[in-house]
Amino acid sequence: MARFLIINADDFGYSHSINEGIVEAHEKGIVTSTSVIVNAIAADKAKDLTKYLDLSIGLHFELKEVVDVEAELK
């Protein structure tokens, strides 16, 4: 079925609670896509989105507030 309206939930990865809200909204049929902030504190959970085959996923590059991801992983 063709999509006529895309509802994007921005900022996946910003926090664990935002991640949970985006997933819940998708499971309820509200959100059809999300954008992942790749250098955010909870972005590692984006790998869990692969089980949602009907969820479009994009990248959101945040250049204003940069988190050193490598340092966070140590």
PDB file of N, CA and C in Angstrom:
ATOM      1  N   MET A   1       0.828  -1.177   0.000  1.00  0.00           N
ATOM      2  CA  MET A   1       0.000   0.000   0.000  1.00  0.00           C
ATOM      3  C   MET A   1       0.879   1.249   0.000  1.00  0.00           C
ATOM      4  N   ALA A   2       0.584   2.185  -0.851  1.00  0.00           N
ATOM      5  CA  ALA A   2       1.363   3.412  -0.940  1.00  0.00           C
ATOM      6  C   ALA A   2       1.094   4.307   0.268  1.00  0.00           C
ATOM      7  N   ARG A   3       2.137   4.963   0.732  1.00  0.00           N
ATOM      8  CA  ARG A   3       1.986   5.896   1.847  1.00  0.00           C
ATOM      9  C   ARG A   3       1.650   7.279   1.300  1.00  0.00           C
ATOM     10  N   PHE A   4       0.699   7.916   1.935  1.00  0.00           N
ATOM     11  CA  PHE A   4       0.335   9.271   1.563  1.00  0.00           C
ATOM     12  C   PHE A   4       0.763  10.278   2.624  1.00  0.00           C
ATOM     13  N   LEU A   5       1.006   9.803   3.820  1.00  0.00           N
ATOM     14  CA  LEU A   5       1.422  10.670   4.911  1.00  0.00           C
ATOM     15  C   LEU A   5       2.532   9.971   5.684  1.00  0.00           C
ATOM     16  N   ILE A   6       3.630  10.669   5.853  1.00  0.00           N
ATOM     17  CA  ILE A   6       4.752  10.143   6.631  1.00  0.00           C
ATOM     18  C   ILE A   6       4.801  10.920   7.941  1.00  0.00           C
ATOM     19  N   ILE A   7       4.759  10.200   9.039  1.00  0.00           N
ATOM     20  CA  ILE A   7       4.895  10.810  10.364  1.00  0.00           C
ATOM     21  C   ILE A   7       6.276  10.425  10.880  1.00  0.00           C
ATOM     22  N   ASN A   8       7.182  11.404  10.927  1.00  0.00           N
ATOM     23  CA  ASN A   8       8.555  11.154  11.349  1.00  0.00           C
ATOM     24  C   ASN A   8       8.743  11.581  12.803  1.00  0.00           C
ATOM     25  N   ALA A   9       9.303  10.687  13.590  1.00  0.00           N
ATOM     26  CA  ALA A   9       9.657  10.992  14.975  1.00  0.00           C
ATOM     27  C   ALA A   9      11.160  11.251  15.007  1.00  0.00           C
ATOM     28  N   ASP A  10      11.509  12.495  15.153  1.00  0.00           N
ATOM     29  CA  ASP A  10      12.906  12.911  15.125  1.00  0.00           C
ATOM     30  C   ASP A  10      13.583  12.608  16.465  1.00  0.00           C
ATOM     31  N   ASP A  11      14.887  12.558  16.448  1.00  0.00           N
ATOM     32  CA  ASP A  11      15.733  12.499  17.649  1.00  0.00           C
ATOM     33  C   ASP A  11      15.808  11.144  18.341  1.00  0.00           C
ATOM     34  N   PHE A  12      15.592  10.032  17.626  1.00  0.00           N
ATOM     35  CA  PHE A  12      15.832   8.724  18.239  1.00  0.00           C
ATOM     36  C   PHE A  12      17.293   8.705  18.683  1.00  0.00           C
ATOM     37  N   GLY A  13      17.527   8.239  19.885  1.00  0.00           N
ATOM     38  CA  GLY A  13      18.878   8.179  20.423  1.00  0.00           C
ATOM     39  C   GLY A  13      19.190   9.283  21.412  1.00  0.00           C
ATOM     40  N   TYR A  14      18.372  10.320  21.435  1.00  0.00           N
ATOM     41  CA  TYR A  14      18.618  11.445  22.346  1.00  0.00           C
ATOM     42  C   TYR A  14      18.563  11.000  23.806  1.00  0.00           C
ATOM     43  N   SER A  15      17.612  10.117  24.119  1.00  0.00           N
ATOM     44  CA  SER A  15      17.514   9.556  25.470  1.00  0.00           C
ATOM     45  C   SER A  15      16.751   8.237  25.384  1.00  0.00           C
ATOM     46  N   HIS A  16      16.851   7.455  26.426  1.00  0.00           N
ATOM     47  CA  HIS A  16      16.153   6.167  26.439  1.00  0.00           C
ATOM     48  C   HIS A  16      14.639   6.366  26.458  1.00  0.00           C
ATOM     49  N   SER A  17      14.162   7.387  27.159  1.00  0.00           N
ATOM     50  CA  SER A  17      12.711   7.615  27.206  1.00  0.00           C
ATOM     51  C   SER A  17      12.171   8.080  25.853  1.00  0.00           C
ATOM     52  N   ILE A  18      12.926   8.886  25.128  1.00  0.00           N
ATOM     53  CA  ILE A  18      12.500   9.277  23.777  1.00  0.00           C
ATOM     54  C   ILE A  18      12.472   8.052  22.879  1.00  0.00           C
ATOM     55  N   ASN A  19      13.483   7.202  22.976  1.00  0.00           N
ATOM     56  CA  ASN A  19      13.499   5.964  22.188  1.00  0.00           C
ATOM     57  C   ASN A  19      12.247   5.132  22.456  1.00  0.00           C
ATOM     58  N   GLU A  20      11.919   4.958  23.725  1.00  0.00           N
ATOM     59  CA  GLU A  20      10.738   4.160  24.090  1.00  0.00           C
ATOM     60  C   GLU A  20       9.460   4.775  23.531  1.00  0.00           C
ATOM     61  N   GLY A  21       9.354   6.089  23.581  1.00  0.00           N
ATOM     62  CA  GLY A  21       8.174   6.761  23.052  1.00  0.00           C
ATOM     63  C   GLY A  21       8.030   6.596  21.555  1.00  0.00           C
ATOM     64  N   ILE A  22       9.148   6.671  20.837  1.00  0.00           N
ATOM     65  CA  ILE A  22       9.117   6.501  19.385  1.00  0.00           C
ATOM     66  C   ILE A  22       8.705   5.079  19.028  1.00  0.00           C
ATOM     67  N   VAL A  23       9.272   4.100  19.709  1.00  0.00           N
ATOM     68  CA  VAL A  23       8.917   2.701  19.445  1.00  0.00           C
ATOM     69  C   VAL A  23       7.444   2.460  19.763  1.00  0.00           C
ATOM     70  N   GLU A  24       6.979   2.971  20.882  1.00  0.00           N
ATOM     71  CA  GLU A  24       5.569   2.792  21.251  1.00  0.00           C
ATOM     72  C   GLU A  24       4.643   3.441  20.219  1.00  0.00           C
ATOM     73  N   ALA A  25       4.978   4.639  19.773  1.00  0.00           N
ATOM     74  CA  ALA A  25       4.152   5.320  18.767  1.00  0.00           C
ATOM     75  C   ALA A  25       4.149   4.554  17.450  1.00  0.00           C
ATOM     76  N   HIS A  26       5.270   3.953  17.093  1.00  0.00           N
ATOM     77  CA  HIS A  26       5.314   3.143  15.873  1.00  0.00           C
ATOM     78  C   HIS A  26       4.465   1.885  16.031  1.00  0.00           C
ATOM     79  N   GLU A  27       4.588   1.221  17.161  1.00  0.00           N
ATOM     80  CA  GLU A  27       3.808   0.002  17.399  1.00  0.00           C
ATOM     81  C   GLU A  27       2.306   0.278  17.393  1.00  0.00           C
ATOM     82  N   LYS A  28       1.908   1.488  17.738  1.00  0.00           N
ATOM     83  CA  LYS A  28       0.489   1.868  17.721  1.00  0.00           C
ATOM     84  C   LYS A  28       0.048   2.381  16.351  1.00  0.00           C
ATOM     85  N   GLY A  29       0.969   2.393  15.383  1.00  0.00           N
ATOM     86  CA  GLY A  29       0.616   2.792  14.029  1.00  0.00           C
ATOM     87  C   GLY A  29       0.646   4.285  13.774  1.00  0.00           C
ATOM     88  N   ILE A  30       1.230   5.047  14.671  1.00  0.00           N
ATOM     89  CA  ILE A  30       1.270   6.501  14.521  1.00  0.00           C
ATOM     90  C   ILE A  30       2.511   6.939  13.746  1.00  0.00           C
ATOM     91  N   VAL A  31       3.667   6.487  14.169  1.00  0.00           N
ATOM     92  CA  VAL A  31       4.942   6.891  13.571  1.00  0.00           C
ATOM     93  C   VAL A  31       5.312   5.935  12.451  1.00  0.00           C
ATOM     94  N   THR A  32       5.696   6.491  11.299  1.00  0.00           N
ATOM     95  CA  THR A  32       6.091   5.660  10.158  1.00  0.00           C
ATOM     96  C   THR A  32       7.578   5.754   9.853  1.00  0.00           C
ATOM     97  N   SER A  33       8.273   6.722  10.466  1.00  0.00           N
ATOM     98  CA  SER A  33       9.718   6.829  10.265  1.00  0.00           C
ATOM     99  C   SER A  33      10.342   7.531  11.460  1.00  0.00           C
ATOM    100  N   THR A  34      11.643   7.359  11.587  1.00  0.00           N
ATOM    101  CA  THR A  34      12.384   8.039  12.643  1.00  0.00           C
ATOM    102  C   THR A  34      13.746   8.447  12.105  1.00  0.00           C
ATOM    103  N   SER A  35      14.324   9.427  12.756  1.00  0.00           N
ATOM    104  CA  SER A  35      15.677   9.872  12.438  1.00  0.00           C
ATOM    105  C   SER A  35      16.531   9.657  13.679  1.00  0.00           C
ATOM    106  N   VAL A  36      17.672   9.020  13.505  1.00  0.00           N
ATOM    107  CA  VAL A  36      18.554   8.679  14.617  1.00  0.00           C
ATOM    108  C   VAL A  36      19.664   9.716  14.720  1.00  0.00           C
ATOM    109  N   ILE A  37      19.819  10.298  15.905  1.00  0.00           N
ATOM    110  CA  ILE A  37      20.966  11.172  16.164  1.00  0.00           C
ATOM    111  C   ILE A  37      22.139  10.241  16.452  1.00  0.00           C
ATOM    112  N   VAL A  38      23.039  10.124  15.510  1.00  0.00           N
ATOM    113  CA  VAL A  38      24.066   9.085  15.595  1.00  0.00           C
ATOM    114  C   VAL A  38      25.099   9.327  16.688  1.00  0.00           C
ATOM    115  N   ASN A  39      25.255  10.543  17.155  1.00  0.00           N
ATOM    116  CA  ASN A  39      26.243  10.807  18.202  1.00  0.00           C
ATOM    117  C   ASN A  39      25.579  11.132  19.541  1.00  0.00           C
ATOM    118  N   ALA A  40      24.363  10.640  19.737  1.00  0.00           N
ATOM    119  CA  ALA A  40      23.654  10.874  21.001  1.00  0.00           C
ATOM    120  C   ALA A  40      23.871   9.706  21.963  1.00  0.00           C
ATOM    121  N   ILE A  41      23.563   9.950  23.200  1.00  0.00           N
ATOM    122  CA  ILE A  41      23.869   9.014  24.280  1.00  0.00           C
ATOM    123  C   ILE A  41      23.154   7.665  24.163  1.00  0.00           C
ATOM    124  N   ALA A  42      21.957   7.625  23.587  1.00  0.00           N
ATOM    125  CA  ALA A  42      21.195   6.376  23.500  1.00  0.00           C
ATOM    126  C   ALA A  42      21.071   5.865  22.064  1.00  0.00           C
ATOM    127  N   ALA A  43      21.950   6.334  21.185  1.00  0.00           N
ATOM    128  CA  ALA A  43      21.886   5.936  19.771  1.00  0.00           C
ATOM    129  C   ALA A  43      22.221   4.468  19.559  1.00  0.00           C
ATOM    130  N   ASP A  44      22.930   3.855  20.498  1.00  0.00           N
ATOM    131  CA  ASP A  44      23.285   2.444  20.347  1.00  0.00           C
ATOM    132  C   ASP A  44      22.050   1.546  20.275  1.00  0.00           C
ATOM    133  N   LYS A  45      20.923   2.021  20.741  1.00  0.00           N
ATOM    134  CA  LYS A  45      19.681   1.236  20.698  1.00  0.00           C
ATOM    135  C   LYS A  45      19.052   1.225  19.309  1.00  0.00           C
ATOM    136  N   ALA A  46      19.600   1.987  18.378  1.00  0.00           N
ATOM    137  CA  ALA A  46      19.047   2.019  17.017  1.00  0.00           C
ATOM    138  C   ALA A  46      19.102   0.639  16.373  1.00  0.00           C
ATOM    139  N   LYS A  47      20.045  -0.185  16.786  1.00  0.00           N
ATOM    140  CA  LYS A  47      20.134  -1.541  16.228  1.00  0.00           C
ATOM    141  C   LYS A  47      18.863  -2.341  16.500  1.00  0.00           C
ATOM    142  N   ASP A  48      18.153  -2.000  17.568  1.00  0.00           N
ATOM    143  CA  ASP A  48      16.907  -2.696  17.905  1.00  0.00           C
ATOM    144  C   ASP A  48      15.772  -2.360  16.945  1.00  0.00           C
ATOM    145  N   LEU A  49      15.920  -1.289  16.174  1.00  0.00           N
ATOM    146  CA  LEU A  49      14.872  -0.882  15.235  1.00  0.00           C
ATOM    147  C   LEU A  49      14.793  -1.796  14.018  1.00  0.00           C
ATOM    148  N   THR A  50      15.800  -2.617  13.800  1.00  0.00           N
ATOM    149  CA  THR A  50      15.816  -3.464  12.600  1.00  0.00           C
ATOM    150  C   THR A  50      14.683  -4.482  12.585  1.00  0.00           C
ATOM    151  N   LYS A  51      14.080  -4.758  13.719  1.00  0.00           N
ATOM    152  CA  LYS A  51      12.964  -5.712  13.738  1.00  0.00           C
ATOM    153  C   LYS A  51      11.669  -5.095  13.211  1.00  0.00           C
ATOM    154  N   TYR A  52      11.637  -3.781  13.074  1.00  0.00           N
ATOM    155  CA  TYR A  52      10.455  -3.091  12.545  1.00  0.00           C
ATOM    156  C   TYR A  52      10.663  -2.837  11.050  1.00  0.00           C
ATOM    157  N   LEU A  53      10.302  -3.810  10.243  1.00  0.00           N
ATOM    158  CA  LEU A  53      10.570  -3.734   8.808  1.00  0.00           C
ATOM    159  C   LEU A  53       9.802  -2.618   8.112  1.00  0.00           C
ATOM    160  N   ASP A  54       8.710  -2.165   8.700  1.00  0.00           N
ATOM    161  CA  ASP A  54       7.909  -1.106   8.084  1.00  0.00           C
ATOM    162  C   ASP A  54       8.229   0.285   8.641  1.00  0.00           C
ATOM    163  N   LEU A  55       9.304   0.405   9.407  1.00  0.00           N
ATOM    164  CA  LEU A  55       9.738   1.691   9.947  1.00  0.00           C
ATOM    165  C   LEU A  55      10.914   2.202   9.126  1.00  0.00           C
ATOM    166  N   SER A  56      10.739   3.329   8.474  1.00  0.00           N
ATOM    167  CA  SER A  56      11.841   3.946   7.734  1.00  0.00           C
ATOM    168  C   SER A  56      12.766   4.633   8.731  1.00  0.00           C
ATOM    169  N   ILE A  57      14.072   4.506   8.499  1.00  0.00           N
ATOM    170  CA  ILE A  57      15.055   5.053   9.429  1.00  0.00           C
ATOM    171  C   ILE A  57      16.029   5.936   8.667  1.00  0.00           C
ATOM    172  N   GLY A  58      16.198   7.145   9.170  1.00  0.00           N
ATOM    173  CA  GLY A  58      17.153   8.079   8.583  1.00  0.00           C
ATOM    174  C   GLY A  58      18.176   8.490   9.623  1.00  0.00           C
ATOM    175  N   LEU A  59      19.150   9.259   9.194  1.00  0.00           N
ATOM    176  CA  LEU A  59      20.194   9.735  10.098  1.00  0.00           C
ATOM    177  C   LEU A  59      20.008  11.219  10.353  1.00  0.00           C
ATOM    178  N   HIS A  60      20.207  11.608  11.583  1.00  0.00           N
ATOM    179  CA  HIS A  60      20.112  13.002  11.996  1.00  0.00           C
ATOM    180  C   HIS A  60      21.483  13.363  12.558  1.00  0.00           C
ATOM    181  N   PHE A  61      22.195  14.195  11.832  1.00  0.00           N
ATOM    182  CA  PHE A  61      23.517  14.617  12.299  1.00  0.00           C
ATOM    183  C   PHE A  61      23.376  15.875  13.135  1.00  0.00           C
ATOM    184  N   GLU A  62      23.753  15.793  14.382  1.00  0.00           N
ATOM    185  CA  GLU A  62      23.679  16.918  15.312  1.00  0.00           C
ATOM    186  C   GLU A  62      25.061  17.534  15.404  1.00  0.00           C
ATOM    187  N   LEU A  63      25.212  18.721  14.884  1.00  0.00           N
ATOM    188  CA  LEU A  63      26.512  19.378  14.884  1.00  0.00           C
ATOM    189  C   LEU A  63      26.654  20.393  16.014  1.00  0.00           C
ATOM    190  N   LYS A  64      25.565  20.700  16.685  1.00  0.00           N
ATOM    191  CA  LYS A  64      25.584  21.713  17.739  1.00  0.00           C
ATOM    192  C   LYS A  64      26.066  21.141  19.068  1.00  0.00           C
ATOM    193  N   GLU A  65      25.546  20.012  19.466  1.00  0.00           N
ATOM    194  CA  GLU A  65      25.910  19.382  20.733  1.00  0.00           C
ATOM    195  C   GLU A  65      26.524  18.026  20.434  1.00  0.00           C
ATOM    196  N   VAL A  66      27.828  17.966  20.429  1.00  0.00           N
ATOM    197  CA  VAL A  66      28.512  16.740  20.039  1.00  0.00           C
ATOM    198  C   VAL A  66      28.919  15.956  21.279  1.00  0.00           C
ATOM    199  N   VAL A  67      28.618  14.676  21.267  1.00  0.00           N
ATOM    200  CA  VAL A  67      29.036  13.765  22.323  1.00  0.00           C
ATOM    201  C   VAL A  67      30.155  12.907  21.756  1.00  0.00           C
ATOM    202  N   ASP A  68      31.234  12.759  22.505  1.00  0.00           N
ATOM    203  CA  ASP A  68      32.327  11.900  22.074  1.00  0.00           C
ATOM    204  C   ASP A  68      31.901  10.452  22.311  1.00  0.00           C
ATOM    205  N   VAL A  69      31.373   9.817  21.273  1.00  0.00           N
ATOM    206  CA  VAL A  69      30.828   8.465  21.392  1.00  0.00           C
ATOM    207  C   VAL A  69      31.905   7.483  21.827  1.00  0.00           C
ATOM    208  N   GLU A  70      33.095   7.608  21.292  1.00  0.00           N
ATOM    209  CA  GLU A  70      34.173   6.690  21.655  1.00  0.00           C
ATOM    210  C   GLU A  70      34.473   6.773  23.156  1.00  0.00           C
ATOM    211  N   ALA A  71      34.509   7.967  23.709  1.00  0.00           N
ATOM    212  CA  ALA A  71      34.764   8.134  25.143  1.00  0.00           C
ATOM    213  C   ALA A  71      33.622   7.555  25.970  1.00  0.00           C
ATOM    214  N   GLU A  72      32.386   7.677  25.476  1.00  0.00           N
ATOM    215  CA  GLU A  72      31.233   7.141  26.196  1.00  0.00           C
ATOM    216  C   GLU A  72      31.262   5.616  26.258  1.00  0.00           C
ATOM    217  N   LEU A  73      31.854   4.972  25.263  1.00  0.00           N
ATOM    218  CA  LEU A  73      31.893   3.515  25.209  1.00  0.00           C
ATOM    219  C   LEU A  73      32.971   2.925  26.110  1.00  0.00           C
ATOM    220  N   LYS A  74      33.906   3.738  26.553  1.00  0.00           N
ATOM    221  CA  LYS A  74      35.010   3.241  27.388  1.00  0.00           C
ATOM    222  C   LYS A  74      34.605   3.103  28.823  1.00  0.00           C
TER     223      LYS A  74
END
